[in-house]
């Protein structure tokens, strides 16, 4: 009941309660607010549970992202099988087969970690999703960085007095460099989880009639350091590969690395504004899309040309062809 101003007490209007409030009592003078997890019915006479929103496996967007993630994982397994089967061929051996195998495994982990961003956020998924994402991508980018450094070392060793550079990038040193770079990211993730761990969060501010389930990052600084470290390694890999792109070789892997890291950096630079401006579940969808797009970019750019030569142009998979002997330049 809303009394009319300037009229006797018996003069009133019947008005509906505002959103989020109800009245189920005849001649009530005020409305009652619904509990935090409830919202008013269309008739404003009882409270109903709020709708929940998160990136689900059962909706079209979640199904599409899940299928793409599993497809990328399957392609990684197929490419890894091709490389293992042809491990003794020149093109596999010339492009550092051990690092290539490790890179394919890390790419497979990158595809699989995107699944942690789909589904209702739990404590363990919130804690694991960014840690798995950070470590997987650093393992991947550090393999690319070491491959680029080896390309430069091999070229330098071909010059007079440059034999010592190869000793600095032997198999043990390569494994050690990848391990150290990945361990730094693992330490960052551990410090983040211990100091201010990500936790599930019910966001009721975005839409009043909905509960948006999301993962609060806990420490924005920790998340920024994790992303920044990946970016630092990616930019360093791109710069070294760019410097080595014109080295004399008929199959110069530095060109492939330059192109792949260009795709990688472009995807993650575009991710930042898109993530900030995406509401609710779409923020998780944007992050999953960035993970999948950058992973596919690395997979196709680095391994597509090699698989093409192995499967369809075996005459080019010889030591003579790779060394560029008998070709016109």
C-alpha atoms as a PDB file:
ATOM      1  CA  UNK A   1       0.000   0.000   0.000  1.00  0.00           C
ATOM      2  CA  UNK A   2       1.369   3.393  -1.012  1.00  0.00           C
ATOM      3  CA  UNK A   3      -0.528   6.277   0.548  1.00  0.00           C
ATOM      4  CA  UNK A   4      -1.351   9.269  -1.637  1.00  0.00           C
ATOM      5  CA  UNK A   5       0.272  12.477  -0.505  1.00  0.00           C
ATOM      6  CA  UNK A   6      -2.173  15.125   0.649  1.00  0.00           C
ATOM      7  CA  UNK A   7      -5.052  12.620   0.780  1.00  0.00           C
ATOM      8  CA  UNK A   8      -6.779  10.964   3.770  1.00  0.00           C
ATOM      9  CA  UNK A   9      -5.203   7.786   5.176  1.00  0.00           C
ATOM     10  CA  UNK A  10      -7.824   5.659   3.499  1.00  0.00           C
ATOM     11  CA  UNK A  11      -6.631   6.794   0.046  1.00  0.00           C
ATOM     12  CA  UNK A  12      -3.785   4.657  -1.303  1.00  0.00           C
ATOM     13  CA  UNK A  13      -2.430   3.002  -4.409  1.00  0.00           C
ATOM     14  CA  UNK A  14      -1.418  -0.636  -4.837  1.00  0.00           C
ATOM     15  CA  UNK A  15       2.117  -0.698  -6.270  1.00  0.00           C
ATOM     16  CA  UNK A  16       4.386  -3.671  -6.998  1.00  0.00           C
ATOM     17  CA  UNK A  17       7.547  -4.160  -4.971  1.00  0.00           C
ATOM     18  CA  UNK A  18      10.844  -3.274  -6.597  1.00  0.00           C
ATOM     19  CA  UNK A  19      13.100  -5.994  -7.998  1.00  0.00           C
ATOM     20  CA  UNK A  20      14.614  -8.188  -5.317  1.00  0.00           C
ATOM     21  CA  UNK A  21      11.796  -7.477  -2.832  1.00  0.00           C
ATOM     22  CA  UNK A  22       8.452  -9.183  -2.191  1.00  0.00           C
ATOM     23  CA  UNK A  23       5.200  -8.736  -0.296  1.00  0.00           C
ATOM     24  CA  UNK A  24       2.955 -11.724   0.456  1.00  0.00           C
ATOM     25  CA  UNK A  25       0.810 -10.059   3.115  1.00  0.00           C
ATOM     26  CA  UNK A  26      -2.441  -8.257   2.400  1.00  0.00           C
ATOM     27  CA  UNK A  27      -2.354  -4.483   3.052  1.00  0.00           C
ATOM     28  CA  UNK A  28       1.400  -4.555   3.685  1.00  0.00           C
ATOM     29  CA  UNK A  29       2.976  -1.121   4.005  1.00  0.00           C
ATOM     30  CA  UNK A  30       6.507  -2.207   3.033  1.00  0.00           C
ATOM     31  CA  UNK A  31       8.325  -4.897   1.047  1.00  0.00           C
ATOM     32  CA  UNK A  32      10.727  -7.556   2.305  1.00  0.00           C
ATOM     33  CA  UNK A  33      14.104  -8.073   0.671  1.00  0.00           C
ATOM     34  CA  UNK A  34      14.960 -11.540  -0.608  1.00  0.00           C
ATOM     35  CA  UNK A  35      18.029 -13.374   0.769  1.00  0.00           C
ATOM     36  CA  UNK A  36      21.313 -12.928  -1.093  1.00  0.00           C
ATOM     37  CA  UNK A  37      21.004 -16.094  -3.194  1.00  0.00           C
ATOM     38  CA  UNK A  38      17.318 -15.484  -4.040  1.00  0.00           C
ATOM     39  CA  UNK A  39      15.415 -13.076  -6.276  1.00  0.00           C
ATOM     40  CA  UNK A  40      11.826 -11.899  -6.462  1.00  0.00           C
ATOM     41  CA  UNK A  41       9.316 -13.723  -8.655  1.00  0.00           C
ATOM     42  CA  UNK A  42       7.643 -11.845 -11.545  1.00  0.00           C
ATOM     43  CA  UNK A  43       4.558 -11.362  -9.320  1.00  0.00           C
ATOM     44  CA  UNK A  44       6.774 -10.071  -6.460  1.00  0.00           C
ATOM     45  CA  UNK A  45       4.972 -12.362  -4.004  1.00  0.00           C
ATOM     46  CA  UNK A  46       7.707 -14.916  -3.233  1.00  0.00           C
ATOM     47  CA  UNK A  47      11.451 -15.408  -3.558  1.00  0.00           C
ATOM     48  CA  UNK A  48      12.966 -17.826  -6.066  1.00  0.00           C
ATOM     49  CA  UNK A  49      16.579 -19.077  -6.276  1.00  0.00           C
ATOM     50  CA  UNK A  50      18.774 -16.946  -8.516  1.00  0.00           C
ATOM     51  CA  UNK A  51      19.942 -18.407 -11.797  1.00  0.00           C
ATOM     52  CA  UNK A  52      23.560 -19.549 -11.776  1.00  0.00           C
ATOM     53  CA  UNK A  53      26.014 -18.824 -14.575  1.00  0.00           C
ATOM     54  CA  UNK A  54      29.392 -20.355 -15.393  1.00  0.00           C
ATOM     55  CA  UNK A  55      31.103 -21.813 -18.442  1.00  0.00           C
ATOM     56  CA  UNK A  56      29.464 -25.236 -18.544  1.00  0.00           C
ATOM     57  CA  UNK A  57      30.316 -28.418 -20.430  1.00  0.00           C
ATOM     58  CA  UNK A  58      26.657 -28.716 -21.413  1.00  0.00           C
ATOM     59  CA  UNK A  59      26.181 -25.428 -23.265  1.00  0.00           C
ATOM     60  CA  UNK A  60      27.192 -24.933 -26.928  1.00  0.00           C
ATOM     61  CA  UNK A  61      30.147 -22.649 -26.104  1.00  0.00           C
ATOM     62  CA  UNK A  62      31.561 -25.087 -23.550  1.00  0.00           C
ATOM     63  CA  UNK A  63      31.036 -28.066 -25.880  1.00  0.00           C
ATOM     64  CA  UNK A  64      32.817 -26.244 -28.715  1.00  0.00           C
ATOM     65  CA  UNK A  65      35.826 -25.305 -26.542  1.00  0.00           C
ATOM     66  CA  UNK A  66      36.046 -28.806 -25.032  1.00  0.00           C
ATOM     67  CA  UNK A  67      35.937 -30.439 -28.474  1.00  0.00           C
ATOM     68  CA  UNK A  68      38.632 -28.080 -29.771  1.00  0.00           C
ATOM     69  CA  UNK A  69      40.838 -28.827 -26.760  1.00  0.00           C
ATOM     70  CA  UNK A  70      40.523 -32.596 -27.217  1.00  0.00           C
ATOM     71  CA  UNK A  71      41.121 -32.215 -30.965  1.00  0.00           C
ATOM     72  CA  UNK A  72      44.366 -30.321 -30.303  1.00  0.00           C
ATOM     73  CA  UNK A  73      45.461 -33.003 -27.832  1.00  0.00           C
ATOM     74  CA  UNK A  74      44.739 -35.718 -30.406  1.00  0.00           C
ATOM     75  CA  UNK A  75      46.724 -33.879 -33.103  1.00  0.00           C
ATOM     76  CA  UNK A  76      49.684 -33.564 -30.705  1.00  0.00           C
ATOM     77  CA  UNK A  77      49.587 -37.330 -30.110  1.00  0.00           C
ATOM     78  CA  UNK A  78      49.451 -37.986 -33.876  1.00  0.00           C
ATOM     79  CA  UNK A  79      52.386 -35.627 -34.589  1.00  0.00           C
ATOM     80  CA  UNK A  80      54.374 -37.144 -31.714  1.00  0.00           C
ATOM     81  CA  UNK A  81      53.720 -40.629 -33.155  1.00  0.00           C
ATOM     82  CA  UNK A  82      54.920 -39.468 -36.596  1.00  0.00           C
ATOM     83  CA  UNK A  83      58.117 -38.024 -35.104  1.00  0.00           C
ATOM     84  CA  UNK A  84      58.814 -41.143 -33.035  1.00  0.00           C
ATOM     85  CA  UNK A  85      58.229 -43.388 -36.055  1.00  0.00           C
ATOM     86  CA  UNK A  86      60.552 -41.257 -38.209  1.00  0.00           C
ATOM     87  CA  UNK A  87      63.011 -40.385 -35.437  1.00  0.00           C
ATOM     88  CA  UNK A  88      66.014 -41.563 -37.474  1.00  0.00           C
ATOM     89  CA  UNK A  89      65.227 -39.406 -40.532  1.00  0.00           C
ATOM     90  CA  UNK A  90      67.378 -36.309 -41.173  1.00  0.00           C
ATOM     91  CA  UNK A  91      64.632 -33.706 -40.728  1.00  0.00           C
ATOM     92  CA  UNK A  92      63.750 -34.997 -37.245  1.00  0.00           C
ATOM     93  CA  UNK A  93      67.360 -35.375 -36.159  1.00  0.00           C
ATOM     94  CA  UNK A  94      68.423 -32.018 -37.599  1.00  0.00           C
ATOM     95  CA  UNK A  95      65.786 -30.116 -35.655  1.00  0.00           C
ATOM     96  CA  UNK A  96      66.725 -31.366 -32.182  1.00  0.00           C
ATOM     97  CA  UNK A  97      64.427 -34.355 -31.783  1.00  0.00           C
ATOM     98  CA  UNK A  98      64.603 -34.440 -27.957  1.00  0.00           C
ATOM     99  CA  UNK A  99      63.418 -30.845 -27.609  1.00  0.00           C
ATOM    100  CA  UNK A 100      60.790 -31.444 -30.299  1.00  0.00           C
ATOM    101  CA  UNK A 101      59.393 -34.393 -28.327  1.00  0.00           C
ATOM    102  CA  UNK A 102      59.356 -32.331 -25.123  1.00  0.00           C
ATOM    103  CA  UNK A 103      57.713 -29.440 -26.972  1.00  0.00           C
ATOM    104  CA  UNK A 104      54.925 -31.707 -28.252  1.00  0.00           C
ATOM    105  CA  UNK A 105      54.317 -33.042 -24.731  1.00  0.00           C
ATOM    106  CA  UNK A 106      54.136 -29.493 -23.352  1.00  0.00           C
ATOM    107  CA  UNK A 107      51.709 -28.470 -26.128  1.00  0.00           C
ATOM    108  CA  UNK A 108      49.513 -31.424 -25.207  1.00  0.00           C
ATOM    109  CA  UNK A 109      49.504 -30.208 -21.587  1.00  0.00           C
ATOM    110  CA  UNK A 110      48.580 -26.701 -22.807  1.00  0.00           C
ATOM    111  CA  UNK A 111      45.548 -28.094 -24.642  1.00  0.00           C
ATOM    112  CA  UNK A 112      44.479 -30.189 -21.644  1.00  0.00           C
ATOM    113  CA  UNK A 113      44.890 -27.378 -19.073  1.00  0.00           C
ATOM    114  CA  UNK A 114      42.180 -25.387 -20.906  1.00  0.00           C
ATOM    115  CA  UNK A 115      39.640 -27.973 -19.666  1.00  0.00           C
ATOM    116  CA  UNK A 116      40.210 -26.726 -16.099  1.00  0.00           C
ATOM    117  CA  UNK A 117      38.567 -23.415 -17.067  1.00  0.00           C
ATOM    118  CA  UNK A 118      35.312 -25.165 -18.049  1.00  0.00           C
ATOM    119  CA  UNK A 119      32.775 -26.314 -15.472  1.00  0.00           C
ATOM    120  CA  UNK A 120      31.665 -24.925 -12.124  1.00  0.00           C
ATOM    121  CA  UNK A 121      34.661 -23.441 -10.278  1.00  0.00           C
ATOM    122  CA  UNK A 122      35.877 -25.498  -7.328  1.00  0.00           C
ATOM    123  CA  UNK A 123      38.718 -24.760  -4.942  1.00  0.00           C
ATOM    124  CA  UNK A 124      41.059 -27.290  -6.549  1.00  0.00           C
ATOM    125  CA  UNK A 125      40.256 -26.204 -10.127  1.00  0.00           C
ATOM    126  CA  UNK A 126      40.768 -22.539  -9.230  1.00  0.00           C
ATOM    127  CA  UNK A 127      44.144 -23.335  -7.687  1.00  0.00           C
ATOM    128  CA  UNK A 128      45.225 -25.705 -10.442  1.00  0.00           C
ATOM    129  CA  UNK A 129      44.010 -23.915 -13.577  1.00  0.00           C
ATOM    130  CA  UNK A 130      46.455 -21.001 -13.606  1.00  0.00           C
ATOM    131  CA  UNK A 131      49.326 -23.030 -12.138  1.00  0.00           C
ATOM    132  CA  UNK A 132      48.928 -25.696 -14.840  1.00  0.00           C
ATOM    133  CA  UNK A 133      48.514 -23.021 -17.496  1.00  0.00           C
ATOM    134  CA  UNK A 134      51.609 -21.102 -16.366  1.00  0.00           C
ATOM    135  CA  UNK A 135      53.942 -24.097 -16.040  1.00  0.00           C
ATOM    136  CA  UNK A 136      52.760 -25.727 -19.308  1.00  0.00           C
ATOM    137  CA  UNK A 137      53.284 -22.590 -21.364  1.00  0.00           C
ATOM    138  CA  UNK A 138      56.670 -21.798 -19.809  1.00  0.00           C
ATOM    139  CA  UNK A 139      57.790 -25.372 -20.543  1.00  0.00           C
ATOM    140  CA  UNK A 140      56.618 -24.895 -24.126  1.00  0.00           C
ATOM    141  CA  UNK A 141      58.193 -21.457 -24.658  1.00  0.00           C
ATOM    142  CA  UNK A 142      61.446 -22.429 -22.922  1.00  0.00           C
ATOM    143  CA  UNK A 143      61.819 -25.375 -25.340  1.00  0.00           C
ATOM    144  CA  UNK A 144      61.370 -22.955 -28.243  1.00  0.00           C
ATOM    145  CA  UNK A 145      63.858 -20.525 -26.700  1.00  0.00           C
ATOM    146  CA  UNK A 146      66.496 -23.234 -26.286  1.00  0.00           C
ATOM    147  CA  UNK A 147      65.889 -24.482 -29.854  1.00  0.00           C
ATOM    148  CA  UNK A 148      66.506 -20.942 -31.102  1.00  0.00           C
ATOM    149  CA  UNK A 149      69.696 -20.614 -29.064  1.00  0.00           C
ATOM    150  CA  UNK A 150      70.926 -23.928 -30.495  1.00  0.00           C
ATOM    151  CA  UNK A 151      70.294 -22.695 -34.058  1.00  0.00           C
ATOM    152  CA  UNK A 152      72.411 -19.604 -33.354  1.00  0.00           C
ATOM    153  CA  UNK A 153      75.110 -21.705 -31.673  1.00  0.00           C
ATOM    154  CA  UNK A 154      75.319 -24.103 -34.631  1.00  0.00           C
ATOM    155  CA  UNK A 155      75.705 -21.223 -37.067  1.00  0.00           C
ATOM    156  CA  UNK A 156      78.360 -19.597 -34.897  1.00  0.00           C
ATOM    157  CA  UNK A 157      80.197 -22.922 -34.632  1.00  0.00           C
ATOM    158  CA  UNK A 158      80.432 -23.081 -38.424  1.00  0.00           C
ATOM    159  CA  UNK A 159      82.624 -19.980 -38.365  1.00  0.00           C
ATOM    160  CA  UNK A 160      86.355 -20.115 -37.566  1.00  0.00           C
ATOM    161  CA  UNK A 161      86.981 -20.166 -33.835  1.00  0.00           C
ATOM    162  CA  UNK A 162      83.340 -20.762 -32.946  1.00  0.00           C
ATOM    163  CA  UNK A 163      83.584 -24.446 -31.982  1.00  0.00           C
ATOM    164  CA  UNK A 164      83.320 -23.620 -28.271  1.00  0.00           C
ATOM    165  CA  UNK A 165      79.777 -22.265 -28.644  1.00  0.00           C
ATOM    166  CA  UNK A 166      78.415 -25.757 -29.315  1.00  0.00           C
ATOM    167  CA  UNK A 167      79.901 -27.019 -26.037  1.00  0.00           C
ATOM    168  CA  UNK A 168      77.795 -24.453 -24.188  1.00  0.00           C
ATOM    169  CA  UNK A 169      74.611 -25.899 -25.722  1.00  0.00           C
ATOM    170  CA  UNK A 170      75.069 -29.636 -25.435  1.00  0.00           C
ATOM    171  CA  UNK A 171      72.204 -31.991 -24.575  1.00  0.00           C
ATOM    172  CA  UNK A 172      72.787 -31.657 -20.826  1.00  0.00           C
ATOM    173  CA  UNK A 173      72.879 -27.858 -21.000  1.00  0.00           C
ATOM    174  CA  UNK A 174      69.685 -27.810 -23.069  1.00  0.00           C
ATOM    175  CA  UNK A 175      67.794 -29.962 -20.573  1.00  0.00           C
ATOM    176  CA  UNK A 176      69.192 -27.909 -17.696  1.00  0.00           C
ATOM    177  CA  UNK A 177      68.126 -24.599 -19.255  1.00  0.00           C
ATOM    178  CA  UNK A 178      64.575 -25.838 -19.839  1.00  0.00           C
ATOM    179  CA  UNK A 179      64.435 -27.203 -16.274  1.00  0.00           C
ATOM    180  CA  UNK A 180      65.683 -23.955 -14.726  1.00  0.00           C
ATOM    181  CA  UNK A 181      63.322 -21.725 -16.723  1.00  0.00           C
ATOM    182  CA  UNK A 182      60.351 -23.955 -15.882  1.00  0.00           C
ATOM    183  CA  UNK A 183      61.361 -24.160 -12.210  1.00  0.00           C
ATOM    184  CA  UNK A 184      61.229 -20.353 -11.957  1.00  0.00           C
ATOM    185  CA  UNK A 185      57.580 -20.423 -13.064  1.00  0.00           C
ATOM    186  CA  UNK A 186      56.838 -23.287 -10.671  1.00  0.00           C
ATOM    187  CA  UNK A 187      58.311 -21.178  -7.837  1.00  0.00           C
ATOM    188  CA  UNK A 188      56.148 -18.193  -8.873  1.00  0.00           C
ATOM    189  CA  UNK A 189      53.030 -20.389  -8.866  1.00  0.00           C
ATOM    190  CA  UNK A 190      53.915 -21.893  -5.485  1.00  0.00           C
ATOM    191  CA  UNK A 191      54.470 -18.468  -3.907  1.00  0.00           C
ATOM    192  CA  UNK A 192      51.169 -17.264  -5.364  1.00  0.00           C
ATOM    193  CA  UNK A 193      49.208 -20.280  -4.083  1.00  0.00           C
ATOM    194  CA  UNK A 194      50.761 -20.037  -0.616  1.00  0.00           C
ATOM    195  CA  UNK A 195      50.378 -16.271  -0.165  1.00  0.00           C
ATOM    196  CA  UNK A 196      47.021 -15.555  -1.828  1.00  0.00           C
ATOM    197  CA  UNK A 197      45.494 -18.625  -3.407  1.00  0.00           C
ATOM    198  CA  UNK A 198      42.727 -18.278  -6.046  1.00  0.00           C
ATOM    199  CA  UNK A 199      39.341 -19.287  -4.619  1.00  0.00           C
ATOM    200  CA  UNK A 200      35.805 -19.776  -5.989  1.00  0.00           C
ATOM    201  CA  UNK A 201      33.715 -16.627  -5.807  1.00  0.00           C
ATOM    202  CA  UNK A 202      29.974 -15.976  -6.133  1.00  0.00           C
ATOM    203  CA  UNK A 203      29.633 -12.702  -7.985  1.00  0.00           C
ATOM    204  CA  UNK A 204      26.205 -11.124  -7.420  1.00  0.00           C
ATOM    205  CA  UNK A 205      27.216  -7.633  -8.494  1.00  0.00           C
ATOM    206  CA  UNK A 206      27.400  -8.215 -12.240  1.00  0.00           C
ATOM    207  CA  UNK A 207      23.690  -9.123 -12.625  1.00  0.00           C
ATOM    208  CA  UNK A 208      21.313  -8.748  -9.715  1.00  0.00           C
ATOM    209  CA  UNK A 209      19.138 -11.718 -10.688  1.00  0.00           C
ATOM    210  CA  UNK A 210      22.042 -14.098 -11.356  1.00  0.00           C
ATOM    211  CA  UNK A 211      24.908 -15.665  -9.428  1.00  0.00           C
ATOM    212  CA  UNK A 212      28.042 -15.723 -11.572  1.00  0.00           C
ATOM    213  CA  UNK A 213      30.482 -18.372 -10.357  1.00  0.00           C
ATOM    214  CA  UNK A 214      34.076 -17.407 -11.041  1.00  0.00           C
ATOM    215  CA  UNK A 215      37.585 -17.840  -9.685  1.00  0.00           C
ATOM    216  CA  UNK A 216      38.948 -14.843  -7.815  1.00  0.00           C
ATOM    217  CA  UNK A 217      42.669 -14.675  -8.636  1.00  0.00           C
ATOM    218  CA  UNK A 218      43.561 -13.882  -5.026  1.00  0.00           C
ATOM    219  CA  UNK A 219      46.676 -11.881  -5.828  1.00  0.00           C
ATOM    220  CA  UNK A 220      46.583  -9.701  -8.924  1.00  0.00           C
ATOM    221  CA  UNK A 221      50.349  -9.248  -8.613  1.00  0.00           C
ATOM    222  CA  UNK A 222      50.883 -13.020  -8.644  1.00  0.00           C
ATOM    223  CA  UNK A 223      48.752 -13.399 -11.777  1.00  0.00           C
ATOM    224  CA  UNK A 224      50.555 -10.491 -13.464  1.00  0.00           C
ATOM    225  CA  UNK A 225      54.001 -11.959 -12.655  1.00  0.00           C
ATOM    226  CA  UNK A 226      52.922 -15.358 -14.021  1.00  0.00           C
ATOM    227  CA  UNK A 227      51.684 -13.849 -17.306  1.00  0.00           C
ATOM    228  CA  UNK A 228      54.627 -11.436 -17.474  1.00  0.00           C
ATOM    229  CA  UNK A 229      57.191 -14.224 -17.160  1.00  0.00           C
ATOM    230  CA  UNK A 230      55.599 -16.110 -20.055  1.00  0.00           C
ATOM    231  CA  UNK A 231      55.569 -12.891 -22.067  1.00  0.00           C
ATOM    232  CA  UNK A 232      59.241 -12.210 -21.289  1.00  0.00           C
ATOM    233  CA  UNK A 233      60.330 -15.642 -22.539  1.00  0.00           C
ATOM    234  CA  UNK A 234      58.080 -15.351 -25.613  1.00  0.00           C
ATOM    235  CA  UNK A 235      59.483 -11.945 -26.594  1.00  0.00           C
ATOM    236  CA  UNK A 236      63.057 -13.164 -26.035  1.00  0.00           C
ATOM    237  CA  UNK A 237      62.389 -16.223 -28.222  1.00  0.00           C
ATOM    238  CA  UNK A 238      60.877 -14.035 -30.923  1.00  0.00           C
ATOM    239  CA  UNK A 239      63.824 -11.616 -30.935  1.00  0.00           C
ATOM    240  CA  UNK A 240      66.452 -14.377 -31.120  1.00  0.00           C
ATOM    241  CA  UNK A 241      64.524 -16.209 -33.839  1.00  0.00           C
ATOM    242  CA  UNK A 242      64.114 -12.966 -35.760  1.00  0.00           C
ATOM    243  CA  UNK A 243      67.885 -12.428 -35.663  1.00  0.00           C
ATOM    244  CA  UNK A 244      68.453 -15.982 -36.928  1.00  0.00           C
ATOM    245  CA  UNK A 245      65.748 -16.010 -39.597  1.00  0.00           C
ATOM    246  CA  UNK A 246      68.145 -15.308 -42.502  1.00  0.00           C
ATOM    247  CA  UNK A 247      70.880 -17.754 -41.591  1.00  0.00           C
ATOM    248  CA  UNK A 248      71.968 -19.793 -44.640  1.00  0.00           C
ATOM    249  CA  UNK A 249      69.992 -23.029 -44.535  1.00  0.00           C
ATOM    250  CA  UNK A 250      67.471 -24.570 -46.885  1.00  0.00           C
ATOM    251  CA  UNK A 251      65.287 -25.521 -43.902  1.00  0.00           C
ATOM    252  CA  UNK A 252      65.957 -22.797 -41.373  1.00  0.00           C
ATOM    253  CA  UNK A 253      63.845 -23.557 -38.291  1.00  0.00           C
ATOM    254  CA  UNK A 254      64.361 -20.016 -37.008  1.00  0.00           C
ATOM    255  CA  UNK A 255      61.910 -18.784 -39.660  1.00  0.00           C
ATOM    256  CA  UNK A 256      59.250 -21.171 -38.335  1.00  0.00           C
ATOM    257  CA  UNK A 257      59.977 -20.119 -34.753  1.00  0.00           C
ATOM    258  CA  UNK A 258      59.740 -16.427 -35.699  1.00  0.00           C
ATOM    259  CA  UNK A 259      56.343 -16.956 -37.315  1.00  0.00           C
ATOM    260  CA  UNK A 260      55.042 -19.126 -34.447  1.00  0.00           C
ATOM    261  CA  UNK A 261      56.119 -16.651 -31.761  1.00  0.00           C
ATOM    262  CA  UNK A 262      54.597 -13.791 -33.753  1.00  0.00           C
ATOM    263  CA  UNK A 263      51.251 -15.631 -33.632  1.00  0.00           C
ATOM    264  CA  UNK A 264      51.734 -16.419 -29.934  1.00  0.00           C
ATOM    265  CA  UNK A 265      52.496 -12.817 -28.958  1.00  0.00           C
ATOM    266  CA  UNK A 266      49.661 -11.415 -31.104  1.00  0.00           C
ATOM    267  CA  UNK A 267      47.115 -13.741 -29.461  1.00  0.00           C
ATOM    268  CA  UNK A 268      48.124 -12.829 -25.909  1.00  0.00           C
ATOM    269  CA  UNK A 269      48.388  -9.094 -26.610  1.00  0.00           C
ATOM    270  CA  UNK A 270      44.803  -9.219 -27.922  1.00  0.00           C
ATOM    271  CA  UNK A 271      43.782 -11.341 -24.910  1.00  0.00           C
ATOM    272  CA  UNK A 272      44.398  -8.656 -22.266  1.00  0.00           C
ATOM    273  CA  UNK A 273      41.759  -6.062 -23.370  1.00  0.00           C
ATOM    274  CA  UNK A 274      39.320  -8.800 -24.391  1.00  0.00           C
ATOM    275  CA  UNK A 275      39.629 -10.476 -20.969  1.00  0.00           C
ATOM    276  CA  UNK A 276      39.182  -7.222 -19.050  1.00  0.00           C
ATOM    277  CA  UNK A 277      36.054  -6.271 -21.017  1.00  0.00           C
ATOM    278  CA  UNK A 278      34.418  -9.721 -20.975  1.00  0.00           C
ATOM    279  CA  UNK A 279      31.739 -10.220 -18.314  1.00  0.00           C
ATOM    280  CA  UNK A 280      31.070 -13.359 -16.300  1.00  0.00           C
ATOM    281  CA  UNK A 281      31.646 -16.701 -17.964  1.00  0.00           C
ATOM    282  CA  UNK A 282      32.831 -15.028 -21.150  1.00  0.00           C
ATOM    283  CA  UNK A 283      36.071 -14.006 -19.410  1.00  0.00           C
ATOM    284  CA  UNK A 284      36.867 -17.716 -18.923  1.00  0.00           C
ATOM    285  CA  UNK A 285      35.855 -18.396 -22.533  1.00  0.00           C
ATOM    286  CA  UNK A 286      38.238 -15.674 -23.758  1.00  0.00           C
ATOM    287  CA  UNK A 287      41.118 -17.172 -21.751  1.00  0.00           C
ATOM    288  CA  UNK A 288      40.383 -20.683 -23.048  1.00  0.00           C
ATOM    289  CA  UNK A 289      40.223 -19.328 -26.601  1.00  0.00           C
ATOM    290  CA  UNK A 290      43.604 -17.606 -26.152  1.00  0.00           C
ATOM    291  CA  UNK A 291      45.148 -20.830 -24.805  1.00  0.00           C
ATOM    292  CA  UNK A 292      43.774 -22.887 -27.711  1.00  0.00           C
ATOM    293  CA  UNK A 293      44.592 -20.303 -30.403  1.00  0.00           C
ATOM    294  CA  UNK A 294      48.207 -19.854 -29.265  1.00  0.00           C
ATOM    295  CA  UNK A 295      48.690 -23.616 -28.857  1.00  0.00           C
ATOM    296  CA  UNK A 296      47.335 -24.331 -32.338  1.00  0.00           C
ATOM    297  CA  UNK A 297      49.499 -21.515 -33.726  1.00  0.00           C
ATOM    298  CA  UNK A 298      52.652 -23.067 -32.263  1.00  0.00           C
ATOM    299  CA  UNK A 299      51.652 -26.595 -33.294  1.00  0.00           C
ATOM    300  CA  UNK A 300      50.835 -25.725 -36.914  1.00  0.00           C
ATOM    301  CA  UNK A 301      53.692 -23.253 -37.480  1.00  0.00           C
ATOM    302  CA  UNK A 302      56.433 -25.416 -35.942  1.00  0.00           C
ATOM    303  CA  UNK A 303      55.374 -28.927 -36.925  1.00  0.00           C
ATOM    304  CA  UNK A 304      53.137 -28.470 -39.967  1.00  0.00           C
ATOM    305  CA  UNK A 305      55.982 -28.009 -42.519  1.00  0.00           C
ATOM    306  CA  UNK A 306      57.990 -30.890 -41.008  1.00  0.00           C
ATOM    307  CA  UNK A 307      55.036 -33.305 -41.096  1.00  0.00           C
ATOM    308  CA  UNK A 308      54.321 -32.254 -44.674  1.00  0.00           C
ATOM    309  CA  UNK A 309      57.883 -33.133 -45.744  1.00  0.00           C
ATOM    310  CA  UNK A 310      57.916 -36.401 -43.748  1.00  0.00           C
ATOM    311  CA  UNK A 311      54.582 -37.638 -45.121  1.00  0.00           C
ATOM    312  CA  UNK A 312      54.251 -36.109 -48.597  1.00  0.00           C
ATOM    313  CA  UNK A 313      57.754 -35.042 -49.722  1.00  0.00           C
ATOM    314  CA  UNK A 314      60.090 -37.819 -48.529  1.00  0.00           C
ATOM    315  CA  UNK A 315      62.593 -36.914 -51.266  1.00  0.00           C
ATOM    316  CA  UNK A 316      63.286 -33.704 -49.314  1.00  0.00           C
ATOM    317  CA  UNK A 317      63.819 -35.651 -46.085  1.00  0.00           C
ATOM    318  CA  UNK A 318      67.479 -36.324 -46.828  1.00  0.00           C
ATOM    319  CA  UNK A 319      70.687 -34.940 -45.419  1.00  0.00           C
ATOM    320  CA  UNK A 320      71.639 -33.554 -48.832  1.00  0.00           C
ATOM    321  CA  UNK A 321      68.344 -31.650 -49.184  1.00  0.00           C
ATOM    322  CA  UNK A 322      68.448 -30.280 -45.635  1.00  0.00           C
ATOM    323  CA  UNK A 323      72.055 -29.117 -45.977  1.00  0.00           C
ATOM    324  CA  UNK A 324      71.036 -27.324 -49.186  1.00  0.00           C
ATOM    325  CA  UNK A 325      73.488 -29.178 -51.445  1.00  0.00           C
ATOM    326  CA  UNK A 326      72.593 -29.178 -55.095  1.00  0.00           C
ATOM    327  CA  UNK A 327      69.977 -26.447 -54.782  1.00  0.00           C
ATOM    328  CA  UNK A 328      69.865 -23.189 -56.595  1.00  0.00           C
ATOM    329  CA  UNK A 329      69.672 -20.087 -54.399  1.00  0.00           C
END
